[in-house]
Amino acid sequence: MNTLVLETTLVSGQTLQMVQGDITAERTDAIVNAANRFLQHGAGVAGSISQLGGPDIQTESYAWVKIHGPVSHEAPAWTSGGHLHCRYVIHAVGPVWGDGNEDTKLEACVRGSLGVANELQLKSVSFPAISTGIFGFPKERAAGVIIKAINNYFERKPDSSCRVVRLVLYNTPTLMAFEKSWHDLFDP
């Protein structure tokens, strides 16, 4: 079961929540998958989402890449949620640590995911700690970029259909990194 750890209402009116748990258990309209450019969901968060969501997610992902080409940081793909509790999976490509301009790419990935949620007229979306697993992005740095990107997006688009964003963090070290960034931004 996922546990709510922190919650705040942003100046724009949206609710931002921090949760410890498993993103595949989320019941938001969409969950964000930390994907690779070719949407090959083999390991990590992507592997879990694909395995638990069933074969439709991978089939739809391959079809997306065939039609649209490899997924960019700025323009995430989306598929159905398959057998998951969510209606959609937004496939966001985060940066690989060491490739350069990582902060900018991660911010674009978050902004793009929120843009897709708005285009689909979703009311809620859950994010994992994008790029902090096998992509090697330092947790503390990623936490700051992700939380600021969410806040900045809604400052620019307060009328977004998306009203609730949940940061779903699987393990204690990741949760602690995100808690620190949360407090730095919202409780200076």
C-alpha atoms as a PDB file:
ATOM      1  CA  MET A   1       0.000   0.000   0.000  1.00  0.00           C
ATOM      2  CA  ASN A   2       1.265   3.477  -0.877  1.00  0.00           C
ATOM      3  CA  THR A   3       1.658   5.918   2.006  1.00  0.00           C
ATOM      4  CA  LEU A   4       1.165   9.673   1.768  1.00  0.00           C
ATOM      5  CA  VAL A   5       4.207  11.422   3.281  1.00  0.00           C
ATOM      6  CA  LEU A   6       3.819  15.107   2.338  1.00  0.00           C
ATOM      7  CA  GLU A   7       1.195  17.254   0.651  1.00  0.00           C
ATOM      8  CA  THR A   8       0.983  20.895  -0.360  1.00  0.00           C
ATOM      9  CA  THR A   9      -1.254  23.113  -2.444  1.00  0.00           C
ATOM     10  CA  LEU A  10       0.767  25.004  -5.026  1.00  0.00           C
ATOM     11  CA  VAL A  11       0.179  28.722  -5.576  1.00  0.00           C
ATOM     12  CA  SER A  12      -1.542  27.737  -8.848  1.00  0.00           C
ATOM     13  CA  GLY A  13      -4.087  25.617  -6.925  1.00  0.00           C
ATOM     14  CA  GLN A  14      -2.854  22.128  -7.835  1.00  0.00           C
ATOM     15  CA  THR A  15      -2.107  19.586  -5.112  1.00  0.00           C
ATOM     16  CA  LEU A  16       1.381  18.081  -4.982  1.00  0.00           C
ATOM     17  CA  GLN A  17       1.813  14.923  -2.930  1.00  0.00           C
ATOM     18  CA  MET A  18       4.825  12.836  -1.979  1.00  0.00           C
ATOM     19  CA  VAL A  19       4.136   9.141  -1.529  1.00  0.00           C
ATOM     20  CA  GLN A  20       6.286   6.198  -0.534  1.00  0.00           C
ATOM     21  CA  GLY A  21       5.341   3.076  -2.419  1.00  0.00           C
ATOM     22  CA  ASP A  22       4.974   1.373  -5.774  1.00  0.00           C
ATOM     23  CA  ILE A  23       3.944   3.414  -8.819  1.00  0.00           C
ATOM     24  CA  THR A  24       2.223   0.391 -10.369  1.00  0.00           C
ATOM     25  CA  ALA A  25      -0.283   0.463  -7.470  1.00  0.00           C
ATOM     26  CA  GLU A  26      -1.305   4.073  -8.148  1.00  0.00           C
ATOM     27  CA  ARG A  27      -4.936   4.863  -8.957  1.00  0.00           C
ATOM     28  CA  THR A  28      -4.333   8.218 -10.652  1.00  0.00           C
ATOM     29  CA  ASP A  29      -5.546   8.807 -14.220  1.00  0.00           C
ATOM     30  CA  ALA A  30      -1.989   8.210 -15.462  1.00  0.00           C
ATOM     31  CA  ILE A  31       1.373   7.081 -14.226  1.00  0.00           C
ATOM     32  CA  VAL A  32       4.655   8.209 -15.741  1.00  0.00           C
ATOM     33  CA  ASN A  33       7.047   5.519 -16.890  1.00  0.00           C
ATOM     34  CA  ALA A  34      10.777   6.231 -16.850  1.00  0.00           C
ATOM     35  CA  ALA A  35      11.343   4.978 -20.396  1.00  0.00           C
ATOM     36  CA  ASN A  36      14.075   4.744 -22.992  1.00  0.00           C
ATOM     37  CA  ARG A  37      13.772   6.349 -26.441  1.00  0.00           C
ATOM     38  CA  PHE A  38      12.628   3.128 -28.119  1.00  0.00           C
ATOM     39  CA  LEU A  39      10.075   2.218 -25.410  1.00  0.00           C
ATOM     40  CA  GLN A  40      11.656  -1.165 -24.807  1.00  0.00           C
ATOM     41  CA  HIS A  41      10.344  -1.858 -21.307  1.00  0.00           C
ATOM     42  CA  GLY A  42      12.770  -4.461 -20.042  1.00  0.00           C
ATOM     43  CA  ALA A  43      14.019  -3.501 -16.578  1.00  0.00           C
ATOM     44  CA  GLY A  44      13.493  -1.156 -13.644  1.00  0.00           C
ATOM     45  CA  VAL A  45      10.282   0.853 -13.392  1.00  0.00           C
ATOM     46  CA  ALA A  46       9.538   0.307 -17.093  1.00  0.00           C
ATOM     47  CA  GLY A  47       9.888  -3.463 -16.745  1.00  0.00           C
ATOM     48  CA  SER A  48       7.544  -3.553 -13.742  1.00  0.00           C
ATOM     49  CA  ILE A  49       4.939  -1.400 -15.476  1.00  0.00           C
ATOM     50  CA  SER A  50       5.056  -3.530 -18.614  1.00  0.00           C
ATOM     51  CA  GLN A  51       4.966  -6.819 -16.712  1.00  0.00           C
ATOM     52  CA  LEU A  52       2.100  -5.873 -14.398  1.00  0.00           C
ATOM     53  CA  GLY A  53       0.216  -3.924 -17.066  1.00  0.00           C
ATOM     54  CA  GLY A  54       0.279  -6.812 -19.503  1.00  0.00           C
ATOM     55  CA  PRO A  55       1.440  -7.166 -23.111  1.00  0.00           C
ATOM     56  CA  ASP A  56      -0.776  -4.364 -24.477  1.00  0.00           C
ATOM     57  CA  ILE A  57       1.548  -1.705 -23.029  1.00  0.00           C
ATOM     58  CA  GLN A  58       4.596  -3.035 -24.881  1.00  0.00           C
ATOM     59  CA  THR A  59       2.580  -3.649 -28.071  1.00  0.00           C
ATOM     60  CA  GLU A  60       1.211  -0.091 -28.012  1.00  0.00           C
ATOM     61  CA  SER A  61       4.703   1.242 -27.253  1.00  0.00           C
ATOM     62  CA  TYR A  62       6.241  -0.463 -30.280  1.00  0.00           C
ATOM     63  CA  ALA A  63       3.388   0.870 -32.423  1.00  0.00           C
ATOM     64  CA  TRP A  64       4.034   4.410 -31.104  1.00  0.00           C
ATOM     65  CA  VAL A  65       7.724   4.260 -32.034  1.00  0.00           C
ATOM     66  CA  LYS A  66       6.895   2.802 -35.450  1.00  0.00           C
ATOM     67  CA  ILE A  67       4.558   5.734 -36.191  1.00  0.00           C
ATOM     68  CA  HIS A  68       6.318   8.621 -34.396  1.00  0.00           C
ATOM     69  CA  GLY A  69       9.944   7.487 -34.166  1.00  0.00           C
ATOM     70  CA  PRO A  70      12.099   7.446 -31.035  1.00  0.00           C
ATOM     71  CA  VAL A  71      10.695   9.393 -28.090  1.00  0.00           C
ATOM     72  CA  SER A  72      12.388  12.677 -27.130  1.00  0.00           C
ATOM     73  CA  HIS A  73      12.822  14.241 -23.690  1.00  0.00           C
ATOM     74  CA  GLU A  74      10.370  17.017 -24.602  1.00  0.00           C
ATOM     75  CA  ALA A  75       7.581  14.924 -26.143  1.00  0.00           C
ATOM     76  CA  PRO A  76       6.672  11.808 -24.140  1.00  0.00           C
ATOM     77  CA  ALA A  77       4.624   9.009 -25.648  1.00  0.00           C
ATOM     78  CA  TRP A  78       1.507   7.540 -24.075  1.00  0.00           C
ATOM     79  CA  THR A  79      -0.297   4.219 -24.103  1.00  0.00           C
ATOM     80  CA  SER A  80      -3.215   2.670 -22.290  1.00  0.00           C
ATOM     81  CA  GLY A  81      -2.671   1.480 -18.735  1.00  0.00           C
ATOM     82  CA  GLY A  82      -3.301  -2.136 -19.713  1.00  0.00           C
ATOM     83  CA  HIS A  83      -4.195  -4.099 -16.572  1.00  0.00           C
ATOM     84  CA  LEU A  84      -2.957  -1.371 -14.206  1.00  0.00           C
ATOM     85  CA  HIS A  85      -5.329   0.810 -12.159  1.00  0.00           C
ATOM     86  CA  CYS A  86      -4.497   3.905 -14.261  1.00  0.00           C
ATOM     87  CA  ARG A  87      -6.103   4.728 -17.611  1.00  0.00           C
ATOM     88  CA  TYR A  88      -2.825   5.774 -19.250  1.00  0.00           C
ATOM     89  CA  VAL A  89       0.922   5.353 -19.020  1.00  0.00           C
ATOM     90  CA  ILE A  90       2.932   8.398 -20.073  1.00  0.00           C
ATOM     91  CA  HIS A  91       6.340   7.205 -21.290  1.00  0.00           C
ATOM     92  CA  ALA A  92       8.871   9.919 -20.431  1.00  0.00           C
ATOM     93  CA  VAL A  93      12.491   9.680 -21.514  1.00  0.00           C
ATOM     94  CA  GLY A  94      14.739  11.067 -18.827  1.00  0.00           C
ATOM     95  CA  PRO A  95      18.410  11.858 -19.370  1.00  0.00           C
ATOM     96  CA  VAL A  96      21.281   9.463 -18.835  1.00  0.00           C
ATOM     97  CA  TRP A  97      23.734  10.963 -16.336  1.00  0.00           C
ATOM     98  CA  GLY A  98      26.916  12.026 -18.138  1.00  0.00           C
ATOM     99  CA  ASP A  99      25.316  12.767 -21.525  1.00  0.00           C
ATOM    100  CA  GLY A 100      25.293  16.528 -20.880  1.00  0.00           C
ATOM    101  CA  ASN A 101      22.558  19.092 -20.128  1.00  0.00           C
ATOM    102  CA  GLU A 102      20.945  16.588 -17.766  1.00  0.00           C
ATOM    103  CA  ASP A 103      19.010  19.164 -15.709  1.00  0.00           C
ATOM    104  CA  THR A 104      17.502  20.760 -18.822  1.00  0.00           C
ATOM    105  CA  LYS A 105      16.558  17.374 -20.279  1.00  0.00           C
ATOM    106  CA  LEU A 106      14.965  16.198 -17.018  1.00  0.00           C
ATOM    107  CA  GLU A 107      12.961  19.401 -16.715  1.00  0.00           C
ATOM    108  CA  ALA A 108      11.782  19.004 -20.336  1.00  0.00           C
ATOM    109  CA  CYS A 109      10.739  15.432 -19.611  1.00  0.00           C
ATOM    110  CA  VAL A 110       8.630  16.506 -16.595  1.00  0.00           C
ATOM    111  CA  ARG A 111       7.124  19.484 -18.444  1.00  0.00           C
ATOM    112  CA  GLY A 112       6.328  17.262 -21.435  1.00  0.00           C
ATOM    113  CA  SER A 113       4.644  14.654 -19.237  1.00  0.00           C
ATOM    114  CA  LEU A 114       2.442  17.282 -17.611  1.00  0.00           C
ATOM    115  CA  GLY A 115       1.639  18.619 -21.073  1.00  0.00           C
ATOM    116  CA  VAL A 116       0.505  15.156 -22.196  1.00  0.00           C
ATOM    117  CA  ALA A 117      -1.652  14.833 -19.059  1.00  0.00           C
ATOM    118  CA  ASN A 118      -3.281  18.160 -19.924  1.00  0.00           C
ATOM    119  CA  GLU A 119      -3.791  17.187 -23.584  1.00  0.00           C
ATOM    120  CA  LEU A 120      -5.521  13.983 -22.448  1.00  0.00           C
ATOM    121  CA  GLN A 121      -7.620  16.080 -20.015  1.00  0.00           C
ATOM    122  CA  LEU A 122      -6.437  14.044 -17.026  1.00  0.00           C
ATOM    123  CA  LYS A 123      -7.069  15.194 -13.482  1.00  0.00           C
ATOM    124  CA  SER A 124      -4.238  13.274 -11.772  1.00  0.00           C
ATOM    125  CA  VAL A 125      -0.819  11.857 -12.586  1.00  0.00           C
ATOM    126  CA  SER A 126       1.889  10.000 -10.646  1.00  0.00           C
ATOM    127  CA  PHE A 127       5.633  10.368 -11.289  1.00  0.00           C
ATOM    128  CA  PRO A 128       8.522   8.111 -10.263  1.00  0.00           C
ATOM    129  CA  ALA A 129      12.032   9.430  -9.551  1.00  0.00           C
ATOM    130  CA  ILE A 130      12.841   9.671 -13.271  1.00  0.00           C
ATOM    131  CA  SER A 131      16.445   8.889 -14.315  1.00  0.00           C
ATOM    132  CA  THR A 132      17.658   8.062 -10.776  1.00  0.00           C
ATOM    133  CA  GLY A 133      17.850   4.310 -11.357  1.00  0.00           C
ATOM    134  CA  ILE A 134      19.832   2.742 -14.170  1.00  0.00           C
ATOM    135  CA  PHE A 135      20.234   6.170 -15.853  1.00  0.00           C
ATOM    136  CA  GLY A 136      22.413   7.237 -12.890  1.00  0.00           C
ATOM    137  CA  PHE A 137      21.074  10.753 -12.209  1.00  0.00           C
ATOM    138  CA  PRO A 138      21.978  11.678  -8.597  1.00  0.00           C
ATOM    139  CA  LYS A 139      18.824  11.445  -6.477  1.00  0.00           C
ATOM    140  CA  GLU A 140      19.232  14.762  -4.635  1.00  0.00           C
ATOM    141  CA  ARG A 141      19.826  16.703  -7.830  1.00  0.00           C
ATOM    142  CA  ALA A 142      16.982  14.981  -9.698  1.00  0.00           C
ATOM    143  CA  ALA A 143      14.599  15.647  -6.808  1.00  0.00           C
ATOM    144  CA  GLY A 144      15.245  19.386  -6.986  1.00  0.00           C
ATOM    145  CA  VAL A 145      14.847  19.487 -10.758  1.00  0.00           C
ATOM    146  CA  ILE A 146      11.627  17.422 -10.757  1.00  0.00           C
ATOM    147  CA  ILE A 147       9.892  19.313  -7.942  1.00  0.00           C
ATOM    148  CA  LYS A 148      10.833  22.726  -9.372  1.00  0.00           C
ATOM    149  CA  ALA A 149       9.744  21.646 -12.872  1.00  0.00           C
ATOM    150  CA  ILE A 150       6.306  20.647 -11.567  1.00  0.00           C
ATOM    151  CA  ASN A 151       5.915  23.900  -9.653  1.00  0.00           C
ATOM    152  CA  ASN A 152       7.112  25.993 -12.631  1.00  0.00           C
ATOM    153  CA  TYR A 153       4.820  24.185 -15.076  1.00  0.00           C
ATOM    154  CA  PHE A 154       1.729  25.018 -13.050  1.00  0.00           C
ATOM    155  CA  GLU A 155       2.844  28.611 -12.477  1.00  0.00           C
ATOM    156  CA  ARG A 156       2.768  28.959 -16.277  1.00  0.00           C
ATOM    157  CA  LYS A 157      -0.350  26.809 -16.782  1.00  0.00           C
ATOM    158  CA  PRO A 158      -2.593  27.180 -13.716  1.00  0.00           C
ATOM    159  CA  ASP A 159      -5.653  26.263 -15.799  1.00  0.00           C
ATOM    160  CA  SER A 160      -4.290  22.763 -16.575  1.00  0.00           C
ATOM    161  CA  SER A 161      -6.832  19.958 -16.276  1.00  0.00           C
ATOM    162  CA  CYS A 162      -4.351  18.155 -14.027  1.00  0.00           C
ATOM    163  CA  ARG A 163      -5.194  18.993 -10.412  1.00  0.00           C
ATOM    164  CA  VAL A 164      -3.178  16.373  -8.471  1.00  0.00           C
ATOM    165  CA  VAL A 165       0.439  15.317  -9.007  1.00  0.00           C
ATOM    166  CA  ARG A 166       1.930  12.536  -6.923  1.00  0.00           C
ATOM    167  CA  LEU A 167       5.651  11.810  -6.576  1.00  0.00           C
ATOM    168  CA  VAL A 168       5.802   8.072  -5.890  1.00  0.00           C
ATOM    169  CA  LEU A 169       9.119   7.056  -4.391  1.00  0.00           C
ATOM    170  CA  TYR A 170       9.977   3.425  -3.909  1.00  0.00           C
ATOM    171  CA  ASN A 171      12.850   3.306  -1.420  1.00  0.00           C
ATOM    172  CA  THR A 172      13.962   5.245   1.639  1.00  0.00           C
ATOM    173  CA  PRO A 173      17.105   6.887   0.152  1.00  0.00           C
ATOM    174  CA  THR A 174      15.047   8.277  -2.724  1.00  0.00           C
ATOM    175  CA  LEU A 175      12.284   9.416  -0.382  1.00  0.00           C
ATOM    176  CA  MET A 176      14.833  11.199   1.832  1.00  0.00           C
ATOM    177  CA  ALA A 177      16.374  13.000  -1.155  1.00  0.00           C
ATOM    178  CA  PHE A 178      12.963  14.185  -2.343  1.00  0.00           C
ATOM    179  CA  GLU A 179      11.924  15.234   1.173  1.00  0.00           C
ATOM    180  CA  LYS A 180      15.014  17.439   1.438  1.00  0.00           C
ATOM    181  CA  SER A 181      14.306  19.135  -1.901  1.00  0.00           C
ATOM    182  CA  TRP A 182      10.631  19.521  -0.964  1.00  0.00           C
ATOM    183  CA  HIS A 183      11.522  21.316   2.265  1.00  0.00           C
ATOM    184  CA  ASP A 184      14.153  23.454   0.513  1.00  0.00           C
ATOM    185  CA  LEU A 185      11.532  24.693  -1.973  1.00  0.00           C
ATOM    186  CA  PHE A 186       8.371  24.903   0.120  1.00  0.00           C
ATOM    187  CA  ASP A 187       9.689  25.461   3.684  1.00  0.00           C
ATOM    188  CA  PRO A 188      12.797  27.658   3.279  1.00  0.00           C
END
